[in-house]
Amino acid sequence: MTNFASQCRGGKGNRSPGEGLPYLVLIIDELADLMMTAFDEVEHTLCRLAQLARAT
């Protein structure tokens, strides 16, 4: 995943044209603690991430 940022910016890296980006796995340890710390920000961001993941 060292070239992920450049691929997102439009750089082709090692990909051939039309090839998609690799899957990303997000692991959140202690989600309850994160939700207690900043509920509004975390809830909105996680909902948006889930919507984007579902759309693809």
C-alpha atoms as a PDB file:
ATOM      1  CA  MET A   1       0.000   0.000   0.000  1.00  0.00           C
ATOM      2  CA  THR A   2       2.960   2.333  -0.331  1.00  0.00           C
ATOM      3  CA  ASN A   3       1.654   3.781  -3.602  1.00  0.00           C
ATOM      4  CA  PHE A   4      -1.982   4.141  -2.497  1.00  0.00           C
ATOM      5  CA  ALA A   5      -1.845   7.926  -2.009  1.00  0.00           C
ATOM      6  CA  SER A   6      -0.317   8.495  -5.451  1.00  0.00           C
ATOM      7  CA  GLN A   7      -2.869   6.158  -7.038  1.00  0.00           C
ATOM      8  CA  CYS A   8      -5.685   8.131  -5.441  1.00  0.00           C
ATOM      9  CA  ARG A   9      -4.236  11.369  -6.800  1.00  0.00           C
ATOM     10  CA  GLY A  10      -4.380   9.977 -10.319  1.00  0.00           C
ATOM     11  CA  GLY A  11      -0.946   8.423 -10.583  1.00  0.00           C
ATOM     12  CA  LYS A  12      -1.070   5.048 -12.263  1.00  0.00           C
ATOM     13  CA  GLY A  13       1.628   3.356 -10.198  1.00  0.00           C
ATOM     14  CA  ASN A  14       1.829  -0.322 -11.181  1.00  0.00           C
ATOM     15  CA  ARG A  15      -1.795  -0.525 -12.342  1.00  0.00           C
ATOM     16  CA  SER A  16      -2.818  -1.093 -15.912  1.00  0.00           C
ATOM     17  CA  PRO A  17      -5.521   1.206 -17.351  1.00  0.00           C
ATOM     18  CA  GLY A  18      -8.984   0.266 -16.113  1.00  0.00           C
ATOM     19  CA  GLU A  19      -7.692  -1.754 -13.169  1.00  0.00           C
ATOM     20  CA  GLY A  20      -9.289  -0.857  -9.839  1.00  0.00           C
ATOM     21  CA  LEU A  21      -7.590   0.011  -6.588  1.00  0.00           C
ATOM     22  CA  PRO A  22      -6.971  -2.708  -3.999  1.00  0.00           C
ATOM     23  CA  TYR A  23      -9.420  -3.361  -1.179  1.00  0.00           C
ATOM     24  CA  LEU A  24      -8.832  -1.549   2.088  1.00  0.00           C
ATOM     25  CA  VAL A  25      -9.608  -3.122   5.434  1.00  0.00           C
ATOM     26  CA  LEU A  26     -10.389  -0.800   8.324  1.00  0.00           C
ATOM     27  CA  ILE A  27      -9.995  -2.213  11.818  1.00  0.00           C
ATOM     28  CA  ILE A  28     -11.198  -0.100  14.735  1.00  0.00           C
ATOM     29  CA  ASP A  29     -10.222  -1.257  18.195  1.00  0.00           C
ATOM     30  CA  GLU A  30     -12.395   0.091  21.024  1.00  0.00           C
ATOM     31  CA  LEU A  31     -15.136   1.637  18.888  1.00  0.00           C
ATOM     32  CA  ALA A  32     -17.207   2.283  22.013  1.00  0.00           C
ATOM     33  CA  ASP A  33     -14.411   4.406  23.476  1.00  0.00           C
ATOM     34  CA  LEU A  34     -14.096   6.321  20.214  1.00  0.00           C
ATOM     35  CA  MET A  35     -17.861   6.917  20.119  1.00  0.00           C
ATOM     36  CA  MET A  36     -17.853   8.235  23.697  1.00  0.00           C
ATOM     37  CA  THR A  37     -15.023  10.637  22.893  1.00  0.00           C
ATOM     38  CA  ALA A  38     -16.427  12.280  19.748  1.00  0.00           C
ATOM     39  CA  PHE A  39     -19.858  10.779  18.993  1.00  0.00           C
ATOM     40  CA  ASP A  40     -21.095  13.306  16.409  1.00  0.00           C
ATOM     41  CA  GLU A  41     -17.922  13.288  14.309  1.00  0.00           C
ATOM     42  CA  VAL A  42     -17.438   9.527  14.498  1.00  0.00           C
ATOM     43  CA  GLU A  43     -21.058   8.644  13.747  1.00  0.00           C
ATOM     44  CA  HIS A  44     -21.208  10.899  10.683  1.00  0.00           C
ATOM     45  CA  THR A  45     -17.872   9.682   9.344  1.00  0.00           C
ATOM     46  CA  LEU A  46     -18.637   5.979   9.858  1.00  0.00           C
ATOM     47  CA  CYS A  47     -22.072   6.352   8.254  1.00  0.00           C
ATOM     48  CA  ARG A  48     -20.528   8.060   5.241  1.00  0.00           C
ATOM     49  CA  LEU A  49     -17.832   5.391   4.964  1.00  0.00           C
ATOM     50  CA  ALA A  50     -20.468   2.640   5.109  1.00  0.00           C
ATOM     51  CA  GLN A  51     -22.531   4.379   2.414  1.00  0.00           C
ATOM     52  CA  LEU A  52     -19.508   4.667   0.132  1.00  0.00           C
ATOM     53  CA  ALA A  53     -18.554   1.039   0.728  1.00  0.00           C
ATOM     54  CA  ARG A  54     -22.065  -0.114  -0.084  1.00  0.00           C
ATOM     55  CA  ALA A  55     -22.149   1.942  -3.299  1.00  0.00           C
ATOM     56  CA  THR A  56     -19.109   0.195  -4.744  1.00  0.00           C
END
